[in-house]
Amino acid sequence: MQVGPSIPFYLLVLVWVGRMVIVTFLCTILGWLGIRVLDVLTPHIHQREKIGENPVSVGLFIAGFMIFIGLIIHGNCTAPMAIGGALIDSLIDLRRLGLVSICFFASLLAGIALFDILNKLTPRIPFLSIKDDSAAVGIYVFGYFVFLGIILHSALTMSL
């Protein structure tokens, strides 16, 4: 079945919703992978333990996750959709998913490198001191979720 003006509007909406669910799920997996990378890169900061110590930290973690998911859904909803092609191409655009993955990993590496450079350029600001306060860890992970969400949003909405 081809997706285009010849199919009923409700089927077009169902394809659009299906694409949104599939891509959002895949991007959420990338977000989980990004958090795992954060765990590996900061072994002295035990995010999951520290966040659970304080309700404010938990709230910041959940808020960051909600912004992350919102950015993904917004990027996915505003991304171009293949009209006139096969149904599977409209649901899963492999070029766009490849672009999202490449952009995600390249931006993650660039962000990590810049963070490391900033840490070395500012020796009087002890970045690892956040490990002592659960609210600070919550804010740190909140910012990381927003960082990942913006990366994935830009990859979803960029033209190919």
N, C-alpha and C. Protein backbone atom coordinates (compact mmCIF):
# COMPACT_ATOMS: atom_id res chain seq x y z
N MET A 1 0.85 -1.18 0.00
CA MET A 1 0.00 0.00 0.00
C MET A 1 0.89 1.24 0.00
N GLN A 2 0.55 2.18 -0.85
CA GLN A 2 1.27 3.44 -0.89
C GLN A 2 0.56 4.46 -0.01
N VAL A 3 1.37 5.30 0.62
CA VAL A 3 0.83 6.37 1.45
C VAL A 3 0.79 7.63 0.61
N GLY A 4 -0.39 8.22 0.49
CA GLY A 4 -0.51 9.42 -0.31
C GLY A 4 -1.93 9.94 -0.31
N PRO A 5 -2.22 10.88 -1.22
CA PRO A 5 -3.53 11.51 -1.25
C PRO A 5 -4.68 10.55 -1.58
N SER A 6 -4.36 9.39 -2.14
CA SER A 6 -5.43 8.47 -2.54
C SER A 6 -5.98 7.65 -1.38
N ILE A 7 -5.29 7.62 -0.25
CA ILE A 7 -5.81 6.85 0.88
C ILE A 7 -6.63 7.76 1.78
N PRO A 8 -7.57 7.19 2.53
CA PRO A 8 -8.38 8.01 3.43
C PRO A 8 -7.54 8.71 4.49
N PHE A 9 -8.04 9.85 4.94
CA PHE A 9 -7.32 10.67 5.91
C PHE A 9 -7.04 9.90 7.19
N TYR A 10 -8.01 9.11 7.67
CA TYR A 10 -7.81 8.39 8.92
C TYR A 10 -6.67 7.38 8.82
N LEU A 11 -6.45 6.78 7.66
CA LEU A 11 -5.32 5.87 7.48
C LEU A 11 -4.00 6.63 7.50
N LEU A 12 -4.00 7.82 6.90
CA LEU A 12 -2.80 8.66 6.93
C LEU A 12 -2.45 9.04 8.37
N VAL A 13 -3.47 9.37 9.16
CA VAL A 13 -3.25 9.70 10.57
C VAL A 13 -2.74 8.48 11.34
N LEU A 14 -3.28 7.30 11.06
CA LEU A 14 -2.81 6.08 11.72
C LEU A 14 -1.35 5.79 11.38
N VAL A 15 -0.96 6.00 10.13
CA VAL A 15 0.44 5.82 9.74
C VAL A 15 1.32 6.82 10.49
N TRP A 16 0.87 8.07 10.57
CA TRP A 16 1.62 9.12 11.26
C TRP A 16 1.79 8.79 12.74
N VAL A 17 0.71 8.32 13.39
CA VAL A 17 0.78 7.95 14.80
C VAL A 17 1.69 6.73 14.98
N GLY A 18 1.59 5.76 14.09
CA GLY A 18 2.46 4.59 14.16
C GLY A 18 3.92 4.97 14.05
N ARG A 19 4.22 5.87 13.12
CA ARG A 19 5.60 6.35 12.97
C ARG A 19 6.07 7.06 14.23
N MET A 20 5.19 7.88 14.81
CA MET A 20 5.55 8.61 16.02
C MET A 20 5.87 7.64 17.15
N VAL A 21 5.07 6.60 17.32
CA VAL A 21 5.29 5.63 18.40
C VAL A 21 6.61 4.87 18.17
N ILE A 22 6.84 4.41 16.95
CA ILE A 22 8.05 3.63 16.65
C ILE A 22 9.30 4.47 16.86
N VAL A 23 9.33 5.67 16.29
CA VAL A 23 10.53 6.51 16.40
C VAL A 23 10.74 6.99 17.84
N THR A 24 9.66 7.31 18.54
CA THR A 24 9.79 7.73 19.94
C THR A 24 10.37 6.60 20.78
N PHE A 25 9.93 5.40 20.56
CA PHE A 25 10.46 4.24 21.27
C PHE A 25 11.95 4.06 20.97
N LEU A 26 12.33 4.14 19.69
CA LEU A 26 13.74 3.98 19.32
C LEU A 26 14.61 5.09 19.91
N CYS A 27 14.11 6.32 19.90
CA CYS A 27 14.87 7.44 20.48
C CYS A 27 14.97 7.32 22.00
N THR A 28 13.94 6.75 22.64
CA THR A 28 14.01 6.53 24.08
C THR A 28 15.10 5.52 24.41
N ILE A 29 15.26 4.51 23.55
CA ILE A 29 16.35 3.56 23.73
C ILE A 29 17.70 4.28 23.61
N LEU A 30 17.81 5.21 22.65
CA LEU A 30 19.04 5.99 22.54
C LEU A 30 19.26 6.84 23.79
N GLY A 31 18.19 7.39 24.36
CA GLY A 31 18.30 8.15 25.60
C GLY A 31 18.79 7.29 26.75
N TRP A 32 18.27 6.06 26.85
CA TRP A 32 18.73 5.13 27.88
C TRP A 32 20.21 4.82 27.66
N LEU A 33 20.59 4.63 26.41
CA LEU A 33 22.00 4.38 26.09
C LEU A 33 22.85 5.58 26.49
N GLY A 34 22.34 6.79 26.26
CA GLY A 34 23.06 8.00 26.65
C GLY A 34 23.26 8.07 28.16
N ILE A 35 22.27 7.67 28.93
CA ILE A 35 22.40 7.65 30.39
C ILE A 35 23.43 6.60 30.80
N ARG A 36 23.45 5.48 30.12
CA ARG A 36 24.46 4.45 30.42
C ARG A 36 25.87 4.97 30.12
N VAL A 37 26.00 5.73 29.03
CA VAL A 37 27.29 6.35 28.70
C VAL A 37 27.68 7.33 29.81
N LEU A 38 26.73 8.09 30.31
CA LEU A 38 26.99 9.02 31.40
C LEU A 38 27.50 8.27 32.63
N ASP A 39 26.90 7.12 32.92
CA ASP A 39 27.36 6.30 34.06
C ASP A 39 28.81 5.86 33.88
N VAL A 40 29.16 5.47 32.67
CA VAL A 40 30.52 5.01 32.39
C VAL A 40 31.52 6.16 32.49
N LEU A 41 31.13 7.33 31.98
CA LEU A 41 32.05 8.46 31.95
C LEU A 41 32.24 9.13 33.30
N THR A 42 31.29 8.95 34.18
CA THR A 42 31.41 9.56 35.52
C THR A 42 31.27 8.47 36.58
N PRO A 43 32.26 7.59 36.69
CA PRO A 43 32.14 6.47 37.63
C PRO A 43 32.14 6.90 39.10
N HIS A 44 32.61 8.11 39.40
CA HIS A 44 32.65 8.57 40.78
C HIS A 44 31.33 9.18 41.23
N ILE A 45 30.43 9.40 40.27
CA ILE A 45 29.12 9.96 40.59
C ILE A 45 28.10 8.83 40.39
N HIS A 46 27.50 8.40 41.47
CA HIS A 46 26.54 7.31 41.40
C HIS A 46 25.15 7.91 41.26
N GLN A 47 24.78 8.22 39.99
CA GLN A 47 23.55 8.95 39.71
C GLN A 47 22.32 8.29 40.31
N ARG A 48 22.13 7.02 40.05
CA ARG A 48 20.90 6.37 40.48
C ARG A 48 20.77 6.34 42.00
N GLU A 49 21.86 6.14 42.69
CA GLU A 49 21.81 6.12 44.15
C GLU A 49 21.54 7.53 44.70
N LYS A 50 22.26 8.52 44.20
CA LYS A 50 22.13 9.88 44.73
C LYS A 50 20.78 10.50 44.40
N ILE A 51 20.26 10.24 43.20
CA ILE A 51 18.97 10.83 42.83
C ILE A 51 17.87 10.31 43.74
N GLY A 52 17.94 9.03 44.10
CA GLY A 52 16.90 8.44 44.94
C GLY A 52 16.90 8.93 46.38
N GLU A 53 17.93 9.65 46.79
CA GLU A 53 18.03 10.13 48.17
C GLU A 53 17.16 11.34 48.46
N ASN A 54 16.73 12.05 47.43
CA ASN A 54 16.06 13.33 47.64
C ASN A 54 14.88 13.45 46.67
N PRO A 55 13.70 13.79 47.16
CA PRO A 55 12.55 13.94 46.27
C PRO A 55 12.74 15.04 45.21
N VAL A 56 13.50 16.06 45.54
CA VAL A 56 13.77 17.12 44.56
C VAL A 56 14.59 16.54 43.40
N SER A 57 15.56 15.70 43.72
CA SER A 57 16.37 15.07 42.67
C SER A 57 15.52 14.16 41.80
N VAL A 58 14.63 13.42 42.43
CA VAL A 58 13.73 12.55 41.67
C VAL A 58 12.85 13.40 40.75
N GLY A 59 12.34 14.50 41.27
CA GLY A 59 11.52 15.40 40.46
C GLY A 59 12.29 15.97 39.28
N LEU A 60 13.52 16.37 39.52
CA LEU A 60 14.35 16.89 38.43
C LEU A 60 14.63 15.82 37.38
N PHE A 61 14.88 14.59 37.82
CA PHE A 61 15.11 13.49 36.90
C PHE A 61 13.87 13.25 36.03
N ILE A 62 12.70 13.21 36.67
CA ILE A 62 11.46 12.99 35.92
C ILE A 62 11.18 14.17 34.98
N ALA A 63 11.41 15.39 35.45
CA ALA A 63 11.20 16.57 34.60
C ALA A 63 12.12 16.54 33.39
N GLY A 64 13.39 16.20 33.61
CA GLY A 64 14.33 16.10 32.49
C GLY A 64 13.90 15.04 31.50
N PHE A 65 13.42 13.91 32.01
CA PHE A 65 12.96 12.84 31.13
C PHE A 65 11.74 13.28 30.33
N MET A 66 10.82 14.00 30.97
CA MET A 66 9.62 14.47 30.27
C MET A 66 9.99 15.49 29.18
N ILE A 67 10.93 16.37 29.44
CA ILE A 67 11.39 17.31 28.42
C ILE A 67 12.06 16.55 27.28
N PHE A 68 12.87 15.56 27.63
CA PHE A 68 13.53 14.71 26.63
C PHE A 68 12.49 14.06 25.71
N ILE A 69 11.48 13.44 26.29
CA ILE A 69 10.43 12.78 25.49
C ILE A 69 9.65 13.82 24.70
N GLY A 70 9.37 14.97 25.29
CA GLY A 70 8.65 16.03 24.57
C GLY A 70 9.43 16.52 23.36
N LEU A 71 10.73 16.69 23.50
CA LEU A 71 11.56 17.10 22.37
C LEU A 71 11.56 16.04 21.27
N ILE A 72 11.60 14.77 21.67
CA ILE A 72 11.57 13.69 20.68
C ILE A 72 10.24 13.68 19.94
N ILE A 73 9.14 13.75 20.69
CA ILE A 73 7.82 13.73 20.05
C ILE A 73 7.63 14.94 19.16
N HIS A 74 8.05 16.11 19.61
CA HIS A 74 7.93 17.31 18.78
C HIS A 74 8.75 17.16 17.51
N GLY A 75 9.99 16.72 17.65
CA GLY A 75 10.84 16.53 16.48
C GLY A 75 10.26 15.51 15.53
N ASN A 76 9.69 14.46 16.07
CA ASN A 76 9.11 13.41 15.25
C ASN A 76 7.83 13.89 14.55
N CYS A 77 7.02 14.67 15.25
CA CYS A 77 5.77 15.18 14.66
C CYS A 77 6.03 16.21 13.57
N THR A 78 7.10 16.94 13.69
CA THR A 78 7.38 17.98 12.70
C THR A 78 8.34 17.51 11.61
N ALA A 79 8.85 16.30 11.73
CA ALA A 79 9.75 15.76 10.71
C ALA A 79 8.98 15.46 9.44
N PRO A 80 9.61 15.62 8.29
CA PRO A 80 8.93 15.31 7.04
C PRO A 80 8.57 13.83 6.98
N MET A 81 7.46 13.55 6.30
CA MET A 81 7.00 12.17 6.17
C MET A 81 6.93 11.83 4.69
N ALA A 82 7.38 10.63 4.35
CA ALA A 82 7.38 10.20 2.95
C ALA A 82 5.94 9.96 2.49
N ILE A 83 5.50 10.77 1.55
CA ILE A 83 4.17 10.62 0.96
C ILE A 83 4.37 10.13 -0.47
N GLY A 84 3.59 9.14 -0.84
CA GLY A 84 3.69 8.60 -2.19
C GLY A 84 4.56 7.37 -2.28
N GLY A 85 5.12 6.97 -1.15
CA GLY A 85 5.98 5.79 -1.13
C GLY A 85 5.28 4.63 -0.46
N ALA A 86 6.02 3.58 -0.23
CA ALA A 86 5.48 2.39 0.42
C ALA A 86 5.19 2.68 1.89
N LEU A 87 4.26 1.91 2.44
CA LEU A 87 3.85 2.09 3.83
C LEU A 87 5.04 1.92 4.78
N ILE A 88 5.85 0.92 4.56
CA ILE A 88 6.99 0.67 5.45
C ILE A 88 7.99 1.83 5.42
N ASP A 89 8.15 2.46 4.26
CA ASP A 89 9.04 3.62 4.17
C ASP A 89 8.49 4.82 4.93
N SER A 90 7.17 4.92 5.02
CA SER A 90 6.56 6.00 5.77
C SER A 90 6.66 5.76 7.27
N LEU A 91 6.57 4.49 7.67
CA LEU A 91 6.65 4.17 9.10
C LEU A 91 8.08 4.23 9.62
N ILE A 92 9.00 3.63 8.89
CA ILE A 92 10.39 3.57 9.33
C ILE A 92 11.28 4.05 8.18
N ASP A 93 11.72 5.28 8.28
CA ASP A 93 12.63 5.85 7.29
C ASP A 93 14.05 5.53 7.74
N LEU A 94 14.64 4.54 7.11
CA LEU A 94 15.97 4.07 7.55
C LEU A 94 17.04 5.15 7.40
N ARG A 95 16.92 6.00 6.38
CA ARG A 95 17.91 7.08 6.24
C ARG A 95 17.82 8.04 7.41
N ARG A 96 16.59 8.40 7.81
CA ARG A 96 16.43 9.33 8.93
C ARG A 96 16.88 8.68 10.23
N LEU A 97 16.55 7.41 10.45
CA LEU A 97 17.00 6.73 11.66
C LEU A 97 18.52 6.61 11.71
N GLY A 98 19.13 6.37 10.55
CA GLY A 98 20.59 6.34 10.49
C GLY A 98 21.17 7.70 10.82
N LEU A 99 20.55 8.75 10.27
CA LEU A 99 20.99 10.11 10.55
C LEU A 99 20.83 10.45 12.03
N VAL A 100 19.71 10.03 12.62
CA VAL A 100 19.48 10.26 14.05
C VAL A 100 20.57 9.57 14.87
N SER A 101 20.89 8.32 14.53
CA SER A 101 21.91 7.57 15.27
C SER A 101 23.29 8.20 15.13
N ILE A 102 23.65 8.56 13.90
CA ILE A 102 24.97 9.18 13.67
C ILE A 102 25.06 10.52 14.39
N CYS A 103 24.03 11.33 14.27
CA CYS A 103 24.00 12.64 14.93
C CYS A 103 24.06 12.47 16.45
N PHE A 104 23.33 11.49 16.95
CA PHE A 104 23.33 11.24 18.39
C PHE A 104 24.73 10.92 18.89
N PHE A 105 25.40 9.96 18.25
CA PHE A 105 26.72 9.54 18.71
C PHE A 105 27.77 10.63 18.48
N ALA A 106 27.71 11.31 17.34
CA ALA A 106 28.68 12.38 17.07
C ALA A 106 28.50 13.53 18.07
N SER A 107 27.27 13.92 18.34
CA SER A 107 27.02 15.00 19.29
C SER A 107 27.38 14.59 20.71
N LEU A 108 27.11 13.34 21.03
CA LEU A 108 27.46 12.84 22.36
C LEU A 108 28.98 12.90 22.55
N LEU A 109 29.72 12.46 21.56
CA LEU A 109 31.19 12.50 21.66
C LEU A 109 31.70 13.93 21.71
N ALA A 110 31.12 14.82 20.89
CA ALA A 110 31.53 16.23 20.91
C ALA A 110 31.20 16.86 22.26
N GLY A 111 30.03 16.58 22.80
CA GLY A 111 29.65 17.11 24.10
C GLY A 111 30.56 16.63 25.20
N ILE A 112 30.91 15.36 25.16
CA ILE A 112 31.81 14.79 26.16
C ILE A 112 33.20 15.43 26.05
N ALA A 113 33.69 15.58 24.83
CA ALA A 113 35.01 16.20 24.63
C ALA A 113 35.01 17.65 25.12
N LEU A 114 33.98 18.40 24.79
CA LEU A 114 33.91 19.80 25.24
C LEU A 114 33.77 19.89 26.76
N PHE A 115 33.02 18.97 27.35
CA PHE A 115 32.88 18.94 28.80
C PHE A 115 34.23 18.68 29.46
N ASP A 116 34.99 17.74 28.90
CA ASP A 116 36.32 17.43 29.44
C ASP A 116 37.26 18.63 29.30
N ILE A 117 37.21 19.31 28.16
CA ILE A 117 38.04 20.50 27.95
C ILE A 117 37.65 21.59 28.95
N LEU A 118 36.34 21.80 29.13
CA LEU A 118 35.88 22.80 30.09
C LEU A 118 36.35 22.45 31.50
N ASN A 119 36.30 21.18 31.85
CA ASN A 119 36.75 20.74 33.17
C ASN A 119 38.23 21.05 33.37
N LYS A 120 39.03 20.85 32.33
CA LYS A 120 40.48 21.12 32.44
C LYS A 120 40.77 22.63 32.44
N LEU A 121 39.96 23.42 31.74
CA LEU A 121 40.19 24.87 31.68
C LEU A 121 39.72 25.60 32.93
N THR A 122 38.91 24.94 33.74
CA THR A 122 38.40 25.57 34.96
C THR A 122 38.77 24.72 36.18
N PRO A 123 40.06 24.68 36.52
CA PRO A 123 40.49 23.80 37.62
C PRO A 123 39.96 24.24 38.99
N ARG A 124 39.55 25.48 39.12
CA ARG A 124 39.05 25.95 40.41
C ARG A 124 37.58 25.61 40.63
N ILE A 125 36.96 25.05 39.62
CA ILE A 125 35.57 24.60 39.76
C ILE A 125 35.59 23.07 39.78
N PRO A 126 35.51 22.48 40.94
CA PRO A 126 35.59 21.02 41.04
C PRO A 126 34.29 20.35 40.58
N PHE A 127 34.25 19.89 39.35
CA PHE A 127 33.04 19.31 38.79
C PHE A 127 32.56 18.09 39.58
N LEU A 128 33.49 17.32 40.09
CA LEU A 128 33.10 16.11 40.82
C LEU A 128 32.49 16.40 42.19
N SER A 129 32.48 17.67 42.61
CA SER A 129 31.90 17.99 43.90
C SER A 129 30.38 17.79 43.90
N ILE A 130 29.77 17.65 42.72
CA ILE A 130 28.32 17.43 42.69
C ILE A 130 27.95 16.08 43.29
N LYS A 131 28.89 15.15 43.37
CA LYS A 131 28.59 13.82 43.91
C LYS A 131 28.19 13.86 45.38
N ASP A 132 28.47 14.98 46.05
CA ASP A 132 28.17 15.10 47.47
C ASP A 132 26.75 15.55 47.75
N ASP A 133 26.03 16.00 46.75
CA ASP A 133 24.68 16.53 46.95
C ASP A 133 23.73 15.90 45.93
N SER A 134 22.69 15.27 46.42
CA SER A 134 21.76 14.59 45.52
C SER A 134 21.00 15.57 44.62
N ALA A 135 20.70 16.77 45.11
CA ALA A 135 20.03 17.76 44.27
C ALA A 135 20.93 18.18 43.11
N ALA A 136 22.22 18.32 43.38
CA ALA A 136 23.17 18.67 42.32
C ALA A 136 23.23 17.58 41.27
N VAL A 137 23.21 16.32 41.69
CA VAL A 137 23.21 15.21 40.75
C VAL A 137 21.92 15.22 39.94
N GLY A 138 20.79 15.52 40.58
CA GLY A 138 19.52 15.60 39.86
C GLY A 138 19.54 16.68 38.80
N ILE A 139 20.10 17.84 39.12
CA ILE A 139 20.21 18.93 38.15
C ILE A 139 21.13 18.53 37.00
N TYR A 140 22.22 17.86 37.33
CA TYR A 140 23.18 17.38 36.33
C TYR A 140 22.53 16.43 35.34
N VAL A 141 21.79 15.45 35.84
CA VAL A 141 21.12 14.48 34.97
C VAL A 141 19.97 15.16 34.21
N PHE A 142 19.27 16.12 34.84
CA PHE A 142 18.24 16.89 34.16
C PHE A 142 18.83 17.58 32.92
N GLY A 143 19.96 18.26 33.12
CA GLY A 143 20.62 18.93 32.00
C GLY A 143 21.07 17.96 30.92
N TYR A 144 21.51 16.80 31.34
CA TYR A 144 21.94 15.78 30.38
C TYR A 144 20.76 15.28 29.54
N PHE A 145 19.61 15.08 30.17
CA PHE A 145 18.41 14.69 29.42
C PHE A 145 18.02 15.76 28.41
N VAL A 146 18.07 17.01 28.81
CA VAL A 146 17.73 18.10 27.88
C VAL A 146 18.74 18.14 26.74
N PHE A 147 20.02 17.97 27.04
CA PHE A 147 21.07 17.91 26.03
C PHE A 147 20.77 16.80 25.01
N LEU A 148 20.46 15.60 25.49
CA LEU A 148 20.14 14.50 24.58
C LEU A 148 18.88 14.76 23.78
N GLY A 149 17.88 15.35 24.41
CA GLY A 149 16.64 15.66 23.71
C GLY A 149 16.83 16.65 22.58
N ILE A 150 17.64 17.67 22.81
CA ILE A 150 17.90 18.66 21.77
C ILE A 150 18.67 18.04 20.62
N ILE A 151 19.63 17.17 20.93
CA ILE A 151 20.38 16.48 19.88
C ILE A 151 19.44 15.67 19.01
N LEU A 152 18.60 14.84 19.64
CA LEU A 152 17.70 13.99 18.86
C LEU A 152 16.65 14.81 18.13
N HIS A 153 16.16 15.88 18.74
CA HIS A 153 15.19 16.74 18.07
C HIS A 153 15.78 17.33 16.80
N SER A 154 17.01 17.82 16.88
CA SER A 154 17.62 18.41 15.69
C SER A 154 17.85 17.37 14.61
N ALA A 155 18.21 16.16 15.00
CA ALA A 155 18.41 15.10 14.00
C ALA A 155 17.10 14.69 13.35
N LEU A 156 16.02 14.70 14.11
CA LEU A 156 14.73 14.33 13.55
C LEU A 156 14.19 15.38 12.57
N THR A 157 14.46 16.65 12.84
CA THR A 157 13.87 17.71 12.03
C THR A 157 14.77 18.23 10.91
N MET A 158 16.02 17.79 10.87
CA MET A 158 16.90 18.32 9.81
C MET A 158 16.53 17.73 8.46
N SER A 159 16.77 18.50 7.43
CA SER A 159 16.47 18.02 6.08
C SER A 159 17.55 17.05 5.64
N LEU A 160 17.16 16.10 4.85
CA LEU A 160 18.12 15.09 4.38
C LEU A 160 18.77 15.52 3.10
